[in-house]
Amino acid sequence: MVIGDVILDEYIWGEVNRISPEAPVPVFDMLGERIGCGGAANVAQNIVSLGGNVVLVGVIGKDSDGEKLLQRLNTLGISTTDITMDVQRPTSKKTRVIVNPNTADLSLAESDISDKQFLHQGHHLLRIDRESKQEIADKLKERLLHNSLSQMEDCDAVIFADYDKGVINQEFIKTVVRNAKSYNIPIIVDPKQNNFLHYNGVTVLTPNHKEAAAALQEEITDVSHLISIGEKILDRLSLQTLLITREEQGMSLFQRDSNGTLKVDHFPPQSHDVIDVTGAGDTVVAVYGLAITANADNHTAAKLSSLAGGIVVGKMGCSTVTPEELLKAVQRFQ
């Protein structure tokens, strides 16, 4: 079961060859567009891509973007019966404007723009967010909770994909975690800032290093500071396991052994061809959840997540990993 903020991703690509005469901004000539799954929906599609079955619980608006997202999910074979519609809010949508890698012209010396790096091949030119971050109404919260609890017994794991869009709050977390524990179901969480410290007692927390540092209002300046912050989070939230993703520096896995001794494993980055980091955290939490559901230990789950993350950052936009791709990565890095 994946619970969280479902998002519609929209990608618009085109070419930039000149600067506007009206203002010192690039003129973007649109060549194409497509939509995809973001947020909790991206976690769900990663699970399906690797052969898992998923229940997706979330909220969309009563609008054309919501309809597009439902159609996309149905096409992927993901059930939408537990997605609730809110007439008071728009469907969360992130529109990314991307310069076509085959047409980007970086020789704009006459322009007034000092830094042309944003026009790098395949890089984002602009992102437009359309969303509401207000908490959903009480009736919707009750429906969302009912949808989550009614199928809990039939699930092997619960994943929270929390993007701070007002869908998940502290009381909701407590109730779902309590029920999941009653069935001995592992709970894996990809947190953001608002609810970070509310995920007490979950099985695994998978923040990135910036989120981990912000949760404790500290900064990570070196590995020793990273370990200090990881240990504080592990103890403060009574976690079994903490996995901190560190972008180009890989990942770090924090656990305590039976004697209470802290154990930290560092995983180096698994890709040298980084095209787009969008959605990599979604892939990590999806693969970690699938791995421990299949009875992998935490070290193996983290290793597989690291390999999967290395695959998707080599693709544009929110992407998925196939079993074949993951198997090749395992064989390559053995």
Protein backbone atom coordinates (compact mmCIF):
# COMPACT_ATOMS: atom_id res chain seq x y z
CA MET A 1 0.00 0.00 0.00
CA VAL A 2 1.31 3.41 -1.01
CA ILE A 3 -0.20 6.36 0.85
CA GLY A 4 0.59 9.98 0.04
CA ASP A 5 0.49 12.86 -2.36
CA VAL A 6 -0.31 11.77 -5.91
CA ILE A 7 1.04 14.18 -8.49
CA LEU A 8 0.64 14.57 -12.23
CA ASP A 9 3.95 15.21 -13.95
CA GLU A 10 3.88 17.11 -17.23
CA TYR A 11 6.91 17.42 -19.50
CA ILE A 12 7.17 19.99 -22.28
CA TRP A 13 10.25 19.92 -24.45
CA GLY A 14 11.46 22.12 -27.24
CA GLU A 15 14.36 24.19 -28.47
CA VAL A 16 16.01 27.45 -27.47
CA ASN A 17 18.00 29.26 -30.15
CA ARG A 18 17.57 32.92 -29.30
CA ILE A 19 16.82 35.49 -26.63
CA SER A 20 13.56 37.40 -26.67
CA PRO A 21 13.75 41.01 -27.92
CA GLU A 22 11.11 41.88 -25.30
CA ALA A 23 13.12 40.85 -22.23
CA PRO A 24 16.43 39.05 -21.46
CA VAL A 25 14.80 35.62 -21.43
CA PRO A 26 15.13 32.63 -23.78
CA VAL A 27 12.49 32.04 -26.43
CA PHE A 28 11.27 28.46 -26.06
CA ASP A 29 9.84 26.78 -29.18
CA MET A 30 7.70 23.86 -28.07
CA LEU A 31 8.20 20.55 -29.87
CA GLY A 32 6.24 18.07 -27.77
CA GLU A 33 4.73 17.14 -24.42
CA ARG A 34 3.82 14.12 -22.34
CA ILE A 35 2.43 13.31 -18.91
CA GLY A 36 3.60 10.92 -16.22
CA CYS A 37 3.16 9.88 -12.62
CA GLY A 38 4.77 11.84 -9.81
CA GLY A 39 4.93 11.64 -6.02
CA ALA A 40 3.12 8.66 -4.53
CA ALA A 41 1.93 7.72 -8.03
CA ASN A 42 5.56 7.39 -9.12
CA VAL A 43 6.29 5.13 -6.15
CA ALA A 44 3.31 2.99 -7.20
CA GLN A 45 4.42 2.73 -10.83
CA ASN A 46 7.93 1.72 -9.73
CA ILE A 47 6.43 -1.12 -7.68
CA VAL A 48 4.32 -2.29 -10.61
CA SER A 49 7.29 -2.04 -12.98
CA LEU A 50 9.19 -4.50 -10.78
CA GLY A 51 6.30 -6.97 -10.65
CA GLY A 52 4.60 -5.91 -7.43
CA ASN A 53 0.92 -5.30 -6.78
CA VAL A 54 -0.01 -1.95 -5.28
CA VAL A 55 -2.91 -0.19 -3.59
CA LEU A 56 -2.58 3.59 -4.05
CA VAL A 57 -4.29 5.85 -1.50
CA GLY A 58 -4.37 9.60 -2.14
CA VAL A 59 -6.32 12.68 -3.21
CA ILE A 60 -6.82 14.43 -6.55
CA GLY A 61 -8.90 17.39 -7.67
CA LYS A 62 -12.07 17.21 -9.72
CA ASP A 63 -10.42 18.53 -12.87
CA SER A 64 -8.95 17.52 -16.21
CA ASP A 65 -5.53 16.92 -14.65
CA GLY A 66 -7.09 14.49 -12.20
CA GLU A 67 -8.77 12.66 -15.06
CA LYS A 68 -5.45 12.45 -16.94
CA LEU A 69 -3.74 11.01 -13.89
CA LEU A 70 -6.47 8.41 -13.33
CA GLN A 71 -6.25 7.36 -16.99
CA ARG A 72 -2.48 7.06 -16.74
CA LEU A 73 -2.68 4.94 -13.58
CA ASN A 74 -5.33 2.68 -15.10
CA THR A 75 -3.16 2.22 -18.18
CA LEU A 76 -0.35 1.05 -15.91
CA GLY A 77 -2.68 -1.41 -14.17
CA ILE A 78 -2.77 0.53 -10.90
CA SER A 79 -6.15 0.54 -9.18
CA THR A 80 -7.61 4.01 -8.61
CA THR A 81 -10.55 2.98 -6.41
CA ASP A 82 -8.85 4.29 -3.26
CA ILE A 83 -8.01 7.70 -4.69
CA THR A 84 -10.39 10.32 -3.29
CA MET A 85 -11.58 13.34 -5.25
CA ASP A 86 -11.57 16.79 -3.60
CA VAL A 87 -13.66 19.43 -5.35
CA GLN A 88 -11.99 22.18 -3.30
CA ARG A 89 -8.44 21.71 -4.56
CA PRO A 90 -6.62 21.20 -7.85
CA THR A 91 -4.80 18.02 -8.74
CA SER A 92 -1.17 18.58 -7.84
CA LYS A 93 0.78 19.08 -11.07
CA LYS A 94 4.42 19.80 -11.82
CA THR A 95 5.13 21.05 -15.31
CA ARG A 96 8.77 20.82 -16.38
CA VAL A 97 9.96 22.75 -19.42
CA ILE A 98 13.01 21.01 -20.87
CA VAL A 99 15.37 22.07 -23.61
CA ASN A 100 15.59 19.41 -26.29
CA PRO A 101 19.08 17.87 -26.06
CA ASN A 102 19.48 17.86 -29.83
CA THR A 103 18.64 21.50 -30.44
CA ALA A 104 19.96 23.49 -27.47
CA ASP A 105 22.13 26.36 -28.65
CA LEU A 106 24.59 27.51 -26.01
CA SER A 107 26.24 30.19 -28.14
CA LEU A 108 24.17 33.15 -27.00
CA ALA A 109 27.03 35.53 -26.33
CA GLU A 110 25.06 38.65 -27.25
CA SER A 111 22.42 38.12 -24.61
CA ASP A 112 22.28 39.83 -21.25
CA ILE A 113 22.02 36.49 -19.43
CA SER A 114 25.31 35.84 -17.69
CA ASP A 115 24.92 32.12 -16.98
CA LYS A 116 24.00 29.89 -19.92
CA GLN A 117 24.35 26.63 -18.00
CA PHE A 118 20.59 26.36 -17.51
CA LEU A 119 20.42 25.72 -21.25
CA HIS A 120 22.59 22.63 -20.92
CA GLN A 121 21.40 19.73 -23.03
CA GLY A 122 18.40 18.00 -21.52
CA HIS A 123 18.30 20.23 -18.47
CA HIS A 124 15.19 21.84 -17.05
CA LEU A 125 14.57 25.38 -18.19
CA LEU A 126 11.61 25.98 -15.88
CA ARG A 127 9.28 24.16 -13.48
CA ILE A 128 5.70 25.32 -12.91
CA ASP A 129 3.81 23.99 -9.87
CA ARG A 130 0.04 23.99 -9.62
CA GLU A 131 -1.11 22.70 -6.24
CA SER A 132 -2.71 23.33 -2.87
CA LYS A 133 -0.88 22.70 0.39
CA GLN A 134 -3.90 23.25 2.58
CA GLU A 135 -5.00 20.35 4.77
CA ILE A 136 -7.83 18.35 3.27
CA ALA A 137 -11.27 18.56 4.90
CA ASP A 138 -12.14 16.29 7.84
CA LYS A 139 -14.57 14.20 5.77
CA LEU A 140 -11.86 13.52 3.21
CA LYS A 141 -9.42 12.60 5.98
CA GLU A 142 -11.93 10.08 7.30
CA ARG A 143 -12.44 8.60 3.84
CA LEU A 144 -8.70 8.42 3.24
CA LEU A 145 -8.17 6.71 6.58
CA HIS A 146 -10.99 4.27 5.88
CA ASN A 147 -9.47 3.42 2.50
CA SER A 148 -6.10 2.82 4.17
CA LEU A 149 -7.32 0.69 7.06
CA SER A 150 -9.88 -1.36 5.13
CA GLN A 151 -7.18 -3.07 3.03
CA MET A 152 -4.37 -3.10 5.58
CA GLU A 153 -4.74 -6.79 6.42
CA ASP A 154 -4.15 -7.80 2.80
CA CYS A 155 -0.96 -5.75 2.35
CA ASP A 156 2.63 -6.88 2.88
CA ALA A 157 4.02 -3.39 3.45
CA VAL A 158 2.94 0.24 3.81
CA ILE A 159 4.85 3.07 2.12
CA PHE A 160 4.25 6.72 2.97
CA ALA A 161 5.19 9.02 0.07
CA ASP A 162 4.77 12.33 1.89
CA TYR A 163 5.26 15.51 -0.16
CA ASP A 164 3.81 18.04 2.30
CA LYS A 165 0.71 18.75 0.20
CA GLY A 166 -1.76 18.64 3.12
CA VAL A 167 -2.99 15.08 2.64
CA ILE A 168 -1.14 13.46 5.56
CA ASN A 169 -1.11 14.78 9.13
CA GLN A 170 0.12 13.61 12.52
CA GLU A 171 -3.07 11.87 13.65
CA PHE A 172 -3.41 10.05 10.33
CA ILE A 173 0.18 8.81 10.63
CA LYS A 174 -0.32 7.56 14.19
CA THR A 175 -3.46 5.63 13.29
CA VAL A 176 -2.01 3.99 10.18
CA VAL A 177 1.27 3.10 11.92
CA ARG A 178 -0.55 1.62 14.89
CA ASN A 179 -2.73 -0.55 12.64
CA ALA A 180 0.16 -1.64 10.46
CA LYS A 181 2.10 -2.72 13.52
CA SER A 182 -0.87 -4.73 14.76
CA TYR A 183 -0.55 -6.81 11.57
CA ASN A 184 3.26 -6.85 11.81
CA ILE A 185 3.48 -4.99 8.50
CA PRO A 186 6.69 -3.04 7.77
CA ILE A 187 6.28 0.71 7.29
CA ILE A 188 8.66 2.54 4.93
CA VAL A 189 8.59 6.33 4.78
CA ASP A 190 9.96 8.91 2.37
CA PRO A 191 9.36 12.06 4.48
CA LYS A 192 9.35 15.77 3.91
CA GLN A 193 9.73 18.53 6.47
CA ASN A 194 6.25 19.03 7.98
CA ASN A 195 5.68 15.49 9.24
CA PHE A 196 9.29 14.32 9.53
CA LEU A 197 9.30 14.02 13.32
CA HIS A 198 5.81 12.43 13.42
CA TYR A 199 6.95 9.11 11.91
CA ASN A 200 7.85 7.65 15.25
CA GLY A 201 8.48 3.91 15.35
CA VAL A 202 8.29 3.20 11.62
CA THR A 203 10.42 0.44 10.13
CA VAL A 204 12.51 2.50 7.72
CA LEU A 205 12.83 6.23 7.06
CA THR A 206 14.49 7.27 3.75
CA PRO A 207 15.11 11.06 3.76
CA ASN A 208 17.74 12.79 1.70
CA HIS A 209 20.60 14.46 3.54
CA LYS A 210 19.07 17.95 3.29
CA GLU A 211 15.78 16.76 4.80
CA ALA A 212 17.60 14.91 7.58
CA ALA A 213 19.64 17.96 8.50
CA ALA A 214 16.65 20.31 8.34
CA ALA A 215 14.62 18.04 10.64
CA LEU A 216 17.14 18.66 13.41
CA GLN A 217 17.85 22.25 12.35
CA GLU A 218 21.48 21.40 11.73
CA GLU A 219 23.85 21.23 8.78
CA ILE A 220 25.83 18.29 7.44
CA THR A 221 29.37 19.44 6.79
CA ASP A 222 31.22 16.12 6.77
CA VAL A 223 30.73 12.37 7.30
CA SER A 224 31.15 12.59 11.07
CA HIS A 225 28.36 15.16 11.25
CA LEU A 226 26.22 12.99 8.98
CA ILE A 227 26.68 10.07 11.36
CA SER A 228 25.82 12.25 14.35
CA ILE A 229 22.60 13.44 12.73
CA GLY A 230 21.70 9.92 11.60
CA GLU A 231 22.13 8.57 15.11
CA LYS A 232 20.02 11.36 16.60
CA ILE A 233 17.17 10.70 14.15
CA LEU A 234 17.40 6.94 14.70
CA ASP A 235 17.03 7.39 18.47
CA ARG A 236 14.59 10.29 18.50
CA LEU A 237 12.06 8.46 16.30
CA SER A 238 12.78 4.98 17.72
CA LEU A 239 13.53 3.71 14.21
CA GLN A 240 14.70 0.26 13.32
CA THR A 241 16.53 1.57 10.26
CA LEU A 242 17.42 4.91 8.68
CA LEU A 243 18.57 5.28 5.08
CA ILE A 244 19.88 8.74 4.16
CA THR A 245 20.31 9.39 0.45
CA ARG A 246 23.19 11.74 -0.36
CA GLU A 247 22.87 12.53 -4.07
CA GLU A 248 26.29 12.30 -5.76
CA GLN A 249 27.80 10.81 -2.56
CA GLY A 250 25.56 7.75 -2.51
CA MET A 251 23.62 6.54 0.54
CA SER A 252 24.22 5.79 4.20
CA LEU A 253 22.39 3.07 6.16
CA PHE A 254 22.02 3.43 9.94
CA GLN A 255 21.05 0.54 12.24
CA ARG A 256 21.60 -0.63 15.80
CA ASP A 257 22.63 -4.21 16.49
CA SER A 258 21.21 -6.41 19.26
CA ASN A 259 23.57 -4.78 21.76
CA GLY A 260 22.47 -1.28 20.80
CA THR A 261 25.70 -0.49 18.97
CA LEU A 262 25.33 1.86 16.03
CA LYS A 263 26.23 0.38 12.65
CA VAL A 264 26.64 2.60 9.60
CA ASP A 265 27.12 1.32 6.04
CA HIS A 266 28.01 3.73 3.24
CA PHE A 267 27.00 2.91 -0.33
CA PRO A 268 28.85 4.75 -3.10
CA PRO A 269 26.91 6.28 -6.01
CA GLN A 270 25.98 3.70 -8.62
CA SER A 271 25.80 5.95 -11.67
CA HIS A 272 28.23 8.25 -13.41
CA ASP A 273 25.70 9.27 -16.06
CA VAL A 274 23.32 11.57 -14.18
CA ILE A 275 20.73 13.09 -16.51
CA ASP A 276 17.88 13.89 -14.10
CA VAL A 277 17.48 13.16 -10.37
CA THR A 278 13.71 13.74 -10.50
CA GLY A 279 11.85 10.91 -8.76
CA ALA A 280 14.97 9.01 -7.67
CA GLY A 281 13.79 9.05 -4.05
CA ASP A 282 10.49 7.49 -5.15
CA THR A 283 12.38 4.63 -6.79
CA VAL A 284 14.55 4.14 -3.69
CA VAL A 285 11.60 3.83 -1.31
CA ALA A 286 9.70 1.57 -3.73
CA VAL A 287 12.60 -0.83 -4.18
CA TYR A 288 13.41 -0.84 -0.47
CA GLY A 289 9.80 -1.69 0.33
CA LEU A 290 9.67 -4.49 -2.22
CA ALA A 291 12.98 -5.91 -1.03
CA ILE A 292 12.08 -6.19 2.65
CA THR A 293 8.65 -7.51 1.69
CA ALA A 294 10.53 -10.28 -0.13
CA ASN A 295 12.45 -10.98 3.11
CA ALA A 296 15.71 -9.26 2.13
CA ASP A 297 17.78 -7.91 5.02
CA ASN A 298 18.23 -4.16 5.36
CA HIS A 299 21.71 -4.13 3.87
CA THR A 300 20.54 -5.97 0.75
CA ALA A 301 17.46 -3.75 0.48
CA ALA A 302 19.64 -0.64 0.68
CA LYS A 303 22.04 -2.03 -1.92
CA LEU A 304 19.22 -2.80 -4.34
CA SER A 305 17.73 0.66 -3.74
CA SER A 306 21.10 2.24 -4.45
CA LEU A 307 21.42 0.33 -7.73
CA ALA A 308 17.86 1.22 -8.76
CA GLY A 309 18.44 4.89 -7.95
CA GLY A 310 21.55 4.81 -10.10
CA ILE A 311 19.47 3.55 -13.02
CA VAL A 312 16.68 6.13 -12.88
CA VAL A 313 18.98 9.17 -12.60
CA GLY A 314 20.21 8.18 -16.04
CA LYS A 315 16.71 8.76 -17.44
CA MET A 316 14.74 11.96 -18.00
CA GLY A 317 11.86 12.69 -15.61
CA CYS A 318 10.15 10.39 -13.12
CA SER A 319 11.16 6.98 -14.41
CA THR A 320 10.90 3.34 -13.41
CA VAL A 321 13.26 0.39 -13.20
CA THR A 322 12.57 -2.95 -14.86
CA PRO A 323 13.61 -6.31 -13.38
CA GLU A 324 16.00 -6.76 -16.30
CA GLU A 325 17.70 -3.42 -15.67
CA LEU A 326 18.05 -4.12 -11.96
CA LEU A 327 19.41 -7.61 -12.56
CA LYS A 328 22.03 -6.25 -14.98
CA ALA A 329 23.04 -3.66 -12.37
CA VAL A 330 23.38 -6.35 -9.69
CA GLN A 331 25.56 -8.45 -11.97
CA ARG A 332 27.67 -5.47 -12.97
CA PHE A 333 28.41 -4.34 -9.40
CA GLN A 334 28.88 -7.76 -7.77
